[in-house]
Amino acid sequence: MINFNNTVFVKSSPNVKQAPQGLFPEVLLVGKSNVGKSSLINALTGKKIAFTSSKPGHTRMLNYYNVDDKLYLVDAPGYGYAAGGVDLDRLFGLTMEDYFAHASRLKLVMVLLDSRRELGENDIEIINYLEDKNIKYHLVFTKKDKINQKETSALNKHLAELGIELENVSFTSIDDTKSIEKVRNRLQNL
């Protein structure tokens, strides 16, 4: 069993060469700059270990979190909008190109998406990339508490139209412990 409360921040790395050394498998979290990656990390670990900001685009490096000496959660820079004129799409592309070229310990990519939005072009590009490279991924829709049943049905229909199977999807809210526990179980089963 993994004790998610036994999580420590290890370091921020501008590239994989400066990543922490060790033999732990890695779970990479990717998503738009305002999707709630840091909030999900905090919910999974039960502590405020990842910095959350009201301004999108705060994460600029790969942030490594050691979870119970069993795995690393790796928070990647977001893509999309950032305050201050930072080209997040370029930063994300360069960082991910380097990461995927050297990611020998990668076991899963968690693609975080906002439940209130349909998948955007960047989201679909990432999913297609992961499928083309045969990289295992899981879609995690955040902020599920912000949508109603009708909107959930419309989102499920959108996913079906894209050929995404619902068994590869989780809907979460940081205030819903059952949904967070489902994501923990997914990580546990790696």
N, C-alpha and C. Protein backbone atom coordinates (compact mmCIF):
# COMPACT_ATOMS: atom_id res chain seq x y z
N MET A 1 0.83 -1.20 0.00
CA MET A 1 0.00 0.00 0.00
C MET A 1 0.87 1.25 0.00
N ILE A 2 0.40 2.26 -0.68
CA ILE A 2 1.10 3.54 -0.72
C ILE A 2 0.46 4.47 0.31
N ASN A 3 1.28 5.06 1.16
CA ASN A 3 0.82 6.07 2.11
C ASN A 3 1.00 7.43 1.44
N PHE A 4 -0.07 7.96 0.85
CA PHE A 4 0.03 9.21 0.11
C PHE A 4 0.33 10.40 1.02
N ASN A 5 0.02 10.26 2.32
CA ASN A 5 0.34 11.33 3.26
C ASN A 5 1.84 11.44 3.49
N ASN A 6 2.57 10.39 3.15
CA ASN A 6 4.02 10.39 3.29
C ASN A 6 4.66 10.84 1.97
N THR A 7 4.35 12.07 1.60
CA THR A 7 4.86 12.65 0.36
C THR A 7 5.70 13.87 0.69
N VAL A 8 6.84 13.97 0.04
CA VAL A 8 7.72 15.13 0.22
C VAL A 8 8.09 15.71 -1.13
N PHE A 9 8.19 17.03 -1.17
CA PHE A 9 8.70 17.69 -2.36
C PHE A 9 10.19 17.43 -2.42
N VAL A 10 10.68 17.01 -3.59
CA VAL A 10 12.09 16.68 -3.74
C VAL A 10 12.84 17.84 -4.38
N LYS A 11 12.40 18.24 -5.57
CA LYS A 11 13.08 19.35 -6.25
C LYS A 11 12.35 19.76 -7.51
N SER A 12 12.69 20.94 -8.00
CA SER A 12 12.26 21.42 -9.31
C SER A 12 13.43 21.28 -10.26
N SER A 13 13.17 20.75 -11.43
CA SER A 13 14.23 20.52 -12.40
C SER A 13 13.86 21.16 -13.73
N PRO A 14 14.80 21.91 -14.33
CA PRO A 14 14.51 22.50 -15.63
C PRO A 14 14.50 21.46 -16.75
N ASN A 15 15.11 20.28 -16.49
CA ASN A 15 15.13 19.21 -17.49
C ASN A 15 15.33 17.87 -16.80
N VAL A 16 15.22 16.81 -17.57
CA VAL A 16 15.29 15.46 -17.01
C VAL A 16 16.69 15.15 -16.49
N LYS A 17 17.71 15.72 -17.10
CA LYS A 17 19.08 15.45 -16.66
C LYS A 17 19.30 15.88 -15.21
N GLN A 18 18.55 16.87 -14.76
CA GLN A 18 18.69 17.34 -13.38
C GLN A 18 17.60 16.79 -12.46
N ALA A 19 16.89 15.79 -12.94
CA ALA A 19 15.83 15.16 -12.14
C ALA A 19 16.45 14.39 -10.98
N PRO A 20 15.70 14.14 -9.93
CA PRO A 20 16.23 13.35 -8.82
C PRO A 20 16.58 11.93 -9.29
N GLN A 21 17.64 11.42 -8.73
CA GLN A 21 18.06 10.08 -9.07
C GLN A 21 17.30 9.09 -8.19
N GLY A 22 17.09 7.93 -8.68
CA GLY A 22 16.37 6.91 -7.93
C GLY A 22 15.68 5.96 -8.88
N LEU A 23 15.10 4.94 -8.31
CA LEU A 23 14.50 3.89 -9.12
C LEU A 23 12.98 3.90 -9.06
N PHE A 24 12.39 4.97 -8.54
CA PHE A 24 10.94 5.01 -8.39
C PHE A 24 10.27 5.25 -9.75
N PRO A 25 9.16 4.56 -9.99
CA PRO A 25 8.39 4.86 -11.20
C PRO A 25 7.84 6.28 -11.13
N GLU A 26 7.56 6.85 -12.29
CA GLU A 26 7.07 8.22 -12.37
C GLU A 26 5.68 8.28 -12.96
N VAL A 27 4.87 9.16 -12.38
CA VAL A 27 3.54 9.49 -12.90
C VAL A 27 3.59 10.98 -13.24
N LEU A 28 3.45 11.29 -14.49
CA LEU A 28 3.55 12.67 -14.97
C LEU A 28 2.16 13.28 -15.02
N LEU A 29 2.03 14.51 -14.49
CA LEU A 29 0.77 15.25 -14.55
C LEU A 29 0.92 16.37 -15.55
N VAL A 30 0.07 16.37 -16.58
CA VAL A 30 0.08 17.43 -17.58
C VAL A 30 -1.32 18.01 -17.71
N GLY A 31 -1.39 19.25 -18.18
CA GLY A 31 -2.68 19.89 -18.39
C GLY A 31 -2.51 21.38 -18.59
N LYS A 32 -3.61 22.04 -18.90
CA LYS A 32 -3.57 23.49 -19.06
C LYS A 32 -3.09 24.15 -17.78
N SER A 33 -2.62 25.36 -17.93
CA SER A 33 -2.00 26.06 -16.80
C SER A 33 -2.96 26.34 -15.65
N ASN A 34 -4.25 26.30 -15.89
CA ASN A 34 -5.20 26.62 -14.83
C ASN A 34 -6.13 25.45 -14.50
N VAL A 35 -5.70 24.22 -14.79
CA VAL A 35 -6.59 23.07 -14.65
C VAL A 35 -6.63 22.52 -13.22
N GLY A 36 -5.64 22.84 -12.41
CA GLY A 36 -5.65 22.38 -11.02
C GLY A 36 -4.71 21.23 -10.71
N LYS A 37 -3.56 21.18 -11.41
CA LYS A 37 -2.59 20.10 -11.15
C LYS A 37 -2.09 20.16 -9.70
N SER A 38 -1.71 21.35 -9.25
CA SER A 38 -1.21 21.49 -7.88
C SER A 38 -2.28 21.16 -6.86
N SER A 39 -3.50 21.58 -7.12
CA SER A 39 -4.61 21.27 -6.20
C SER A 39 -4.84 19.77 -6.12
N LEU A 40 -4.73 19.07 -7.25
CA LEU A 40 -4.90 17.62 -7.24
C LEU A 40 -3.78 16.95 -6.44
N ILE A 41 -2.55 17.42 -6.62
CA ILE A 41 -1.43 16.86 -5.84
C ILE A 41 -1.70 17.05 -4.35
N ASN A 42 -2.16 18.22 -3.97
CA ASN A 42 -2.46 18.49 -2.56
C ASN A 42 -3.59 17.58 -2.06
N ALA A 43 -4.60 17.36 -2.87
CA ALA A 43 -5.71 16.49 -2.48
C ALA A 43 -5.25 15.04 -2.35
N LEU A 44 -4.43 14.59 -3.30
CA LEU A 44 -3.94 13.21 -3.25
C LEU A 44 -3.07 12.95 -2.03
N THR A 45 -2.27 13.93 -1.65
CA THR A 45 -1.32 13.75 -0.55
C THR A 45 -1.90 14.14 0.80
N GLY A 46 -3.03 14.85 0.79
CA GLY A 46 -3.64 15.28 2.04
C GLY A 46 -2.89 16.40 2.72
N LYS A 47 -2.07 17.11 1.97
CA LYS A 47 -1.33 18.24 2.55
C LYS A 47 -1.07 19.29 1.49
N LYS A 48 -0.78 20.49 1.93
CA LYS A 48 -0.50 21.60 0.99
C LYS A 48 0.98 21.58 0.66
N ILE A 49 1.31 20.67 -0.22
CA ILE A 49 2.72 20.47 -0.59
C ILE A 49 3.07 21.17 -1.90
N ALA A 50 2.08 21.31 -2.78
CA ALA A 50 2.29 21.96 -4.07
C ALA A 50 1.71 23.37 -4.01
N PHE A 51 2.45 24.32 -4.55
CA PHE A 51 2.01 25.71 -4.53
C PHE A 51 0.85 25.90 -5.50
N THR A 52 -0.23 26.47 -5.00
CA THR A 52 -1.37 26.80 -5.86
C THR A 52 -1.42 28.31 -6.02
N SER A 53 -1.82 28.74 -7.20
CA SER A 53 -1.86 30.17 -7.49
C SER A 53 -3.13 30.50 -8.25
N SER A 54 -3.64 31.69 -8.03
CA SER A 54 -4.80 32.13 -8.79
C SER A 54 -4.39 32.60 -10.19
N LYS A 55 -3.09 32.79 -10.39
CA LYS A 55 -2.59 33.20 -11.70
C LYS A 55 -2.09 31.99 -12.46
N PRO A 56 -2.62 31.73 -13.64
CA PRO A 56 -2.18 30.57 -14.43
C PRO A 56 -0.72 30.70 -14.84
N GLY A 57 -0.06 29.56 -15.00
CA GLY A 57 1.29 29.54 -15.55
C GLY A 57 2.39 29.63 -14.52
N HIS A 58 2.10 29.30 -13.27
CA HIS A 58 3.12 29.40 -12.22
C HIS A 58 4.19 28.33 -12.36
N THR A 59 3.81 27.11 -12.72
CA THR A 59 4.78 26.02 -12.83
C THR A 59 5.58 26.19 -14.11
N ARG A 60 6.89 26.30 -13.95
CA ARG A 60 7.77 26.51 -15.12
C ARG A 60 8.81 25.39 -15.28
N MET A 61 8.89 24.50 -14.28
CA MET A 61 9.85 23.40 -14.33
C MET A 61 9.12 22.10 -13.99
N LEU A 62 9.85 21.01 -14.05
CA LEU A 62 9.33 19.72 -13.61
C LEU A 62 9.47 19.66 -12.09
N ASN A 63 8.37 19.51 -11.38
CA ASN A 63 8.40 19.43 -9.92
C ASN A 63 8.20 17.98 -9.50
N TYR A 64 9.15 17.47 -8.74
CA TYR A 64 9.15 16.07 -8.33
C TYR A 64 8.71 15.93 -6.88
N TYR A 65 7.74 15.03 -6.66
CA TYR A 65 7.23 14.72 -5.32
C TYR A 65 7.43 13.23 -5.08
N ASN A 66 8.14 12.89 -4.02
CA ASN A 66 8.37 11.50 -3.65
C ASN A 66 7.18 11.04 -2.81
N VAL A 67 6.46 10.04 -3.30
CA VAL A 67 5.29 9.52 -2.61
C VAL A 67 5.68 8.20 -1.94
N ASP A 68 5.93 8.28 -0.63
CA ASP A 68 6.14 7.10 0.21
C ASP A 68 7.27 6.19 -0.28
N ASP A 69 8.28 6.77 -0.90
CA ASP A 69 9.38 5.99 -1.48
C ASP A 69 8.87 4.88 -2.41
N LYS A 70 7.74 5.16 -3.07
CA LYS A 70 7.16 4.18 -4.00
C LYS A 70 7.08 4.73 -5.42
N LEU A 71 6.86 6.04 -5.55
CA LEU A 71 6.75 6.64 -6.88
C LEU A 71 7.00 8.14 -6.78
N TYR A 72 7.28 8.71 -7.95
CA TYR A 72 7.35 10.16 -8.06
C TYR A 72 6.11 10.66 -8.78
N LEU A 73 5.46 11.67 -8.21
CA LEU A 73 4.51 12.47 -8.97
C LEU A 73 5.32 13.58 -9.59
N VAL A 74 5.20 13.77 -10.89
CA VAL A 74 5.97 14.79 -11.59
C VAL A 74 4.99 15.81 -12.17
N ASP A 75 5.02 17.01 -11.65
CA ASP A 75 4.14 18.10 -12.10
C ASP A 75 4.86 18.85 -13.21
N ALA A 76 4.29 18.80 -14.40
CA ALA A 76 4.89 19.45 -15.57
C ALA A 76 4.36 20.87 -15.71
N PRO A 77 5.11 21.73 -16.41
CA PRO A 77 4.57 23.06 -16.71
C PRO A 77 3.26 22.92 -17.48
N GLY A 78 2.36 23.85 -17.26
CA GLY A 78 1.09 23.83 -17.96
C GLY A 78 1.23 24.38 -19.37
N TYR A 79 0.22 24.22 -20.13
CA TYR A 79 0.17 24.82 -21.47
C TYR A 79 -1.05 25.72 -21.52
N GLY A 80 -1.11 26.55 -22.55
CA GLY A 80 -2.23 27.47 -22.68
C GLY A 80 -1.88 28.86 -22.22
N TYR A 81 -2.75 29.46 -21.41
CA TYR A 81 -2.62 30.86 -21.01
C TYR A 81 -1.73 31.02 -19.79
N ALA A 82 -0.93 32.10 -19.79
CA ALA A 82 -0.17 32.53 -18.60
C ALA A 82 -0.17 34.03 -18.54
N ALA A 83 -0.19 34.55 -17.33
CA ALA A 83 -0.07 36.00 -17.14
C ALA A 83 1.38 36.40 -17.41
N GLY A 84 1.58 37.59 -17.86
CA GLY A 84 2.93 38.11 -18.03
C GLY A 84 3.58 37.79 -19.36
N GLY A 85 2.84 37.32 -20.33
CA GLY A 85 3.39 37.14 -21.68
C GLY A 85 4.31 35.94 -21.84
N VAL A 86 4.29 34.98 -20.93
CA VAL A 86 5.12 33.79 -21.06
C VAL A 86 4.49 32.86 -22.09
N ASP A 87 5.30 32.35 -23.01
CA ASP A 87 4.80 31.43 -24.02
C ASP A 87 4.80 30.02 -23.43
N LEU A 88 3.71 29.67 -22.75
CA LEU A 88 3.63 28.38 -22.07
C LEU A 88 3.64 27.22 -23.05
N ASP A 89 3.04 27.38 -24.22
CA ASP A 89 3.01 26.28 -25.17
C ASP A 89 4.43 25.91 -25.60
N ARG A 90 5.26 26.91 -25.83
CA ARG A 90 6.65 26.66 -26.21
C ARG A 90 7.40 26.00 -25.05
N LEU A 91 7.24 26.55 -23.85
CA LEU A 91 7.90 26.00 -22.66
C LEU A 91 7.47 24.55 -22.45
N PHE A 92 6.16 24.30 -22.54
CA PHE A 92 5.65 22.94 -22.36
C PHE A 92 6.25 22.01 -23.42
N GLY A 93 6.24 22.45 -24.68
CA GLY A 93 6.77 21.62 -25.77
C GLY A 93 8.22 21.25 -25.57
N LEU A 94 9.05 22.22 -25.23
CA LEU A 94 10.47 21.95 -25.02
C LEU A 94 10.70 21.03 -23.83
N THR A 95 10.00 21.29 -22.73
CA THR A 95 10.16 20.48 -21.53
C THR A 95 9.70 19.05 -21.78
N MET A 96 8.57 18.90 -22.44
CA MET A 96 8.03 17.56 -22.67
C MET A 96 8.83 16.78 -23.70
N GLU A 97 9.35 17.47 -24.71
CA GLU A 97 10.19 16.80 -25.69
C GLU A 97 11.39 16.17 -25.00
N ASP A 98 12.03 16.94 -24.11
CA ASP A 98 13.17 16.44 -23.34
C ASP A 98 12.73 15.32 -22.40
N TYR A 99 11.62 15.52 -21.72
CA TYR A 99 11.15 14.53 -20.75
C TYR A 99 10.86 13.19 -21.43
N PHE A 100 10.06 13.20 -22.48
CA PHE A 100 9.68 11.95 -23.13
C PHE A 100 10.87 11.25 -23.78
N ALA A 101 11.87 12.01 -24.21
CA ALA A 101 13.06 11.40 -24.81
C ALA A 101 13.89 10.64 -23.79
N HIS A 102 13.77 11.01 -22.51
CA HIS A 102 14.60 10.40 -21.47
C HIS A 102 13.80 9.78 -20.32
N ALA A 103 12.52 9.58 -20.50
CA ALA A 103 11.65 9.15 -19.40
C ALA A 103 11.62 7.63 -19.27
N SER A 104 12.69 7.05 -18.81
CA SER A 104 12.77 5.60 -18.70
C SER A 104 11.93 5.05 -17.55
N ARG A 105 11.58 5.89 -16.58
CA ARG A 105 10.80 5.42 -15.42
C ARG A 105 9.33 5.80 -15.50
N LEU A 106 8.92 6.39 -16.61
CA LEU A 106 7.53 6.83 -16.76
C LEU A 106 6.59 5.63 -16.84
N LYS A 107 5.58 5.60 -15.96
CA LYS A 107 4.60 4.53 -15.94
C LYS A 107 3.23 4.98 -16.40
N LEU A 108 2.92 6.28 -16.21
CA LEU A 108 1.59 6.78 -16.53
C LEU A 108 1.64 8.29 -16.69
N VAL A 109 0.87 8.79 -17.64
CA VAL A 109 0.67 10.23 -17.78
C VAL A 109 -0.78 10.50 -17.41
N MET A 110 -0.97 11.36 -16.42
CA MET A 110 -2.31 11.79 -16.06
C MET A 110 -2.55 13.12 -16.76
N VAL A 111 -3.46 13.10 -17.72
CA VAL A 111 -3.80 14.31 -18.46
C VAL A 111 -4.98 14.95 -17.74
N LEU A 112 -4.74 16.10 -17.12
CA LEU A 112 -5.78 16.78 -16.37
C LEU A 112 -6.55 17.73 -17.29
N LEU A 113 -7.87 17.69 -17.17
CA LEU A 113 -8.75 18.47 -18.01
C LEU A 113 -9.83 19.09 -17.13
N ASP A 114 -10.30 20.25 -17.52
CA ASP A 114 -11.35 20.95 -16.79
C ASP A 114 -12.70 20.38 -17.21
N SER A 115 -13.47 19.87 -16.24
CA SER A 115 -14.78 19.28 -16.52
C SER A 115 -15.73 20.24 -17.22
N ARG A 116 -15.51 21.54 -17.02
CA ARG A 116 -16.42 22.54 -17.58
C ARG A 116 -16.16 22.83 -19.05
N ARG A 117 -15.12 22.24 -19.61
CA ARG A 117 -14.72 22.55 -20.97
C ARG A 117 -14.62 21.28 -21.81
N GLU A 118 -14.93 21.41 -23.09
CA GLU A 118 -14.63 20.32 -24.01
C GLU A 118 -13.12 20.29 -24.23
N LEU A 119 -12.63 19.17 -24.70
CA LEU A 119 -11.20 19.06 -24.96
C LEU A 119 -10.80 20.06 -26.04
N GLY A 120 -9.73 20.78 -25.78
CA GLY A 120 -9.22 21.74 -26.74
C GLY A 120 -8.20 21.11 -27.67
N GLU A 121 -7.74 21.89 -28.61
CA GLU A 121 -6.77 21.40 -29.59
C GLU A 121 -5.51 20.87 -28.92
N ASN A 122 -4.99 21.62 -27.92
CA ASN A 122 -3.78 21.18 -27.21
C ASN A 122 -4.01 19.86 -26.48
N ASP A 123 -5.18 19.72 -25.85
CA ASP A 123 -5.50 18.49 -25.13
C ASP A 123 -5.51 17.30 -26.08
N ILE A 124 -6.15 17.46 -27.21
CA ILE A 124 -6.25 16.38 -28.19
C ILE A 124 -4.88 16.05 -28.77
N GLU A 125 -4.05 17.07 -29.00
CA GLU A 125 -2.69 16.84 -29.50
C GLU A 125 -1.89 15.99 -28.52
N ILE A 126 -2.02 16.27 -27.23
CA ILE A 126 -1.28 15.49 -26.22
C ILE A 126 -1.77 14.05 -26.19
N ILE A 127 -3.07 13.87 -26.20
CA ILE A 127 -3.62 12.51 -26.19
C ILE A 127 -3.16 11.74 -27.44
N ASN A 128 -3.22 12.38 -28.60
CA ASN A 128 -2.76 11.73 -29.84
C ASN A 128 -1.28 11.39 -29.76
N TYR A 129 -0.48 12.30 -29.20
CA TYR A 129 0.96 12.05 -29.05
C TYR A 129 1.19 10.82 -28.17
N LEU A 130 0.50 10.76 -27.03
CA LEU A 130 0.67 9.64 -26.11
C LEU A 130 0.24 8.33 -26.76
N GLU A 131 -0.84 8.37 -27.52
CA GLU A 131 -1.29 7.16 -28.23
C GLU A 131 -0.29 6.74 -29.30
N ASP A 132 0.23 7.73 -30.06
CA ASP A 132 1.20 7.43 -31.11
C ASP A 132 2.47 6.81 -30.53
N LYS A 133 2.89 7.27 -29.36
CA LYS A 133 4.12 6.79 -28.71
C LYS A 133 3.85 5.58 -27.81
N ASN A 134 2.58 5.14 -27.78
CA ASN A 134 2.18 4.00 -26.94
C ASN A 134 2.53 4.23 -25.47
N ILE A 135 2.26 5.45 -25.00
CA ILE A 135 2.49 5.81 -23.60
C ILE A 135 1.16 5.70 -22.87
N LYS A 136 1.16 4.97 -21.77
CA LYS A 136 -0.07 4.77 -21.00
C LYS A 136 -0.50 6.09 -20.38
N TYR A 137 -1.81 6.39 -20.50
CA TYR A 137 -2.32 7.64 -19.94
C TYR A 137 -3.70 7.43 -19.34
N HIS A 138 -4.08 8.37 -18.51
CA HIS A 138 -5.40 8.38 -17.87
C HIS A 138 -5.89 9.82 -17.85
N LEU A 139 -7.12 10.05 -18.28
CA LEU A 139 -7.69 11.40 -18.27
C LEU A 139 -8.33 11.66 -16.91
N VAL A 140 -7.96 12.77 -16.30
CA VAL A 140 -8.52 13.15 -15.00
C VAL A 140 -9.21 14.50 -15.18
N PHE A 141 -10.54 14.47 -15.13
CA PHE A 141 -11.30 15.71 -15.23
C PHE A 141 -11.44 16.31 -13.83
N THR A 142 -10.97 17.53 -13.70
CA THR A 142 -11.02 18.23 -12.42
C THR A 142 -12.30 19.07 -12.33
N LYS A 143 -12.57 19.55 -11.15
CA LYS A 143 -13.67 20.49 -10.90
C LYS A 143 -15.04 19.91 -11.26
N LYS A 144 -15.21 18.60 -11.02
CA LYS A 144 -16.48 17.96 -11.37
C LYS A 144 -17.65 18.54 -10.58
N ASP A 145 -17.35 19.15 -9.44
CA ASP A 145 -18.40 19.76 -8.62
C ASP A 145 -18.97 21.02 -9.28
N LYS A 146 -18.35 21.49 -10.34
CA LYS A 146 -18.79 22.70 -11.02
C LYS A 146 -19.75 22.43 -12.18
N ILE A 147 -20.03 21.13 -12.45
CA ILE A 147 -20.93 20.80 -13.55
C ILE A 147 -22.09 19.96 -13.05
N ASN A 148 -23.22 20.06 -13.77
CA ASN A 148 -24.39 19.28 -13.40
C ASN A 148 -24.45 17.99 -14.23
N GLN A 149 -25.49 17.19 -13.99
CA GLN A 149 -25.63 15.89 -14.65
C GLN A 149 -25.75 16.02 -16.17
N LYS A 150 -26.49 17.02 -16.62
CA LYS A 150 -26.66 17.24 -18.07
C LYS A 150 -25.31 17.56 -18.72
N GLU A 151 -24.52 18.40 -18.07
CA GLU A 151 -23.19 18.75 -18.59
C GLU A 151 -22.26 17.54 -18.56
N THR A 152 -22.39 16.71 -17.53
CA THR A 152 -21.59 15.49 -17.45
C THR A 152 -21.93 14.55 -18.60
N SER A 153 -23.22 14.41 -18.90
CA SER A 153 -23.65 13.56 -20.02
C SER A 153 -23.12 14.09 -21.35
N ALA A 154 -23.17 15.40 -21.52
CA ALA A 154 -22.66 16.01 -22.76
C ALA A 154 -21.15 15.77 -22.89
N LEU A 155 -20.43 15.86 -21.78
CA LEU A 155 -18.99 15.63 -21.81
C LEU A 155 -18.69 14.16 -22.13
N ASN A 156 -19.45 13.24 -21.54
CA ASN A 156 -19.27 11.82 -21.85
C ASN A 156 -19.54 11.53 -23.32
N LYS A 157 -20.55 12.19 -23.88
CA LYS A 157 -20.85 12.03 -25.31
C LYS A 157 -19.69 12.55 -26.15
N HIS A 158 -19.13 13.71 -25.77
CA HIS A 158 -17.99 14.29 -26.47
C HIS A 158 -16.79 13.32 -26.44
N LEU A 159 -16.56 12.70 -25.28
CA LEU A 159 -15.46 11.75 -25.16
C LEU A 159 -15.69 10.53 -26.05
N ALA A 160 -16.93 10.05 -26.08
CA ALA A 160 -17.26 8.91 -26.93
C ALA A 160 -17.03 9.24 -28.40
N GLU A 161 -17.39 10.47 -28.81
CA GLU A 161 -17.18 10.90 -30.19
C GLU A 161 -15.69 10.92 -30.54
N LEU A 162 -14.85 11.18 -29.53
CA LEU A 162 -13.40 11.19 -29.73
C LEU A 162 -12.79 9.79 -29.63
N GLY A 163 -13.62 8.80 -29.31
CA GLY A 163 -13.13 7.43 -29.19
C GLY A 163 -12.44 7.13 -27.88
N ILE A 164 -12.71 7.93 -26.87
CA ILE A 164 -12.08 7.74 -25.55
C ILE A 164 -13.02 6.90 -24.69
N GLU A 165 -12.48 5.80 -24.17
CA GLU A 165 -13.27 4.90 -23.35
C GLU A 165 -13.36 5.44 -21.93
N LEU A 166 -14.54 5.36 -21.34
CA LEU A 166 -14.77 5.93 -20.00
C LEU A 166 -13.98 5.24 -18.91
N GLU A 167 -13.55 4.00 -19.13
CA GLU A 167 -12.72 3.33 -18.11
C GLU A 167 -11.35 4.00 -17.99
N ASN A 168 -11.00 4.81 -18.97
CA ASN A 168 -9.73 5.53 -18.95
C ASN A 168 -9.92 6.98 -18.48
N VAL A 169 -11.03 7.24 -17.78
CA VAL A 169 -11.40 8.59 -17.37
C VAL A 169 -11.79 8.61 -15.90
N SER A 170 -11.35 9.64 -15.18
CA SER A 170 -11.80 9.88 -13.81
C SER A 170 -12.34 11.30 -13.73
N PHE A 171 -13.40 11.47 -12.96
CA PHE A 171 -13.94 12.79 -12.67
C PHE A 171 -13.65 13.08 -11.21
N THR A 172 -12.99 14.20 -10.94
CA THR A 172 -12.58 14.50 -9.58
C THR A 172 -12.99 15.91 -9.15
N SER A 173 -13.04 16.04 -7.85
CA SER A 173 -13.17 17.33 -7.20
C SER A 173 -12.32 17.25 -5.95
N ILE A 174 -11.59 18.31 -5.66
CA ILE A 174 -10.72 18.25 -4.48
C ILE A 174 -11.52 18.16 -3.20
N ASP A 175 -12.82 18.45 -3.26
CA ASP A 175 -13.69 18.36 -2.08
C ASP A 175 -14.42 17.02 -1.99
N ASP A 176 -14.22 16.14 -2.96
CA ASP A 176 -14.90 14.85 -2.98
C ASP A 176 -13.88 13.75 -2.72
N THR A 177 -13.83 13.28 -1.48
CA THR A 177 -12.80 12.30 -1.11
C THR A 177 -12.94 10.99 -1.88
N LYS A 178 -14.15 10.60 -2.26
CA LYS A 178 -14.32 9.36 -3.04
C LYS A 178 -13.65 9.46 -4.39
N SER A 179 -13.78 10.61 -5.05
CA SER A 179 -13.16 10.77 -6.37
C SER A 179 -11.64 10.80 -6.26
N ILE A 180 -11.12 11.39 -5.20
CA ILE A 180 -9.67 11.42 -4.98
C ILE A 180 -9.16 10.02 -4.67
N GLU A 181 -9.94 9.27 -3.90
CA GLU A 181 -9.56 7.89 -3.57
C GLU A 181 -9.50 7.02 -4.81
N LYS A 182 -10.38 7.26 -5.78
CA LYS A 182 -10.34 6.50 -7.04
C LYS A 182 -9.03 6.74 -7.78
N VAL A 183 -8.56 7.98 -7.78
CA VAL A 183 -7.29 8.30 -8.44
C VAL A 183 -6.15 7.64 -7.67
N ARG A 184 -6.20 7.70 -6.34
CA ARG A 184 -5.17 7.00 -5.54
C ARG A 184 -5.13 5.52 -5.87
N ASN A 185 -6.30 4.89 -5.99
CA ASN A 185 -6.36 3.46 -6.32
C ASN A 185 -5.76 3.18 -7.69
N ARG A 186 -6.00 4.09 -8.61
CA ARG A 186 -5.41 3.94 -9.96
C ARG A 186 -3.88 3.94 -9.85
N LEU A 187 -3.34 4.84 -9.05
CA LEU A 187 -1.89 4.91 -8.86
C LEU A 187 -1.39 3.68 -8.11
N GLN A 188 -2.16 3.25 -7.14
CA GLN A 188 -1.83 2.05 -6.35
C GLN A 188 -1.67 0.83 -7.26
N ASN A 189 -2.53 0.75 -8.28
CA ASN A 189 -2.54 -0.41 -9.17
C ASN A 189 -1.43 -0.41 -10.22
N LEU A 190 -0.64 0.64 -10.27
CA LEU A 190 0.49 0.66 -11.18
C LEU A 190 1.51 -0.42 -10.77
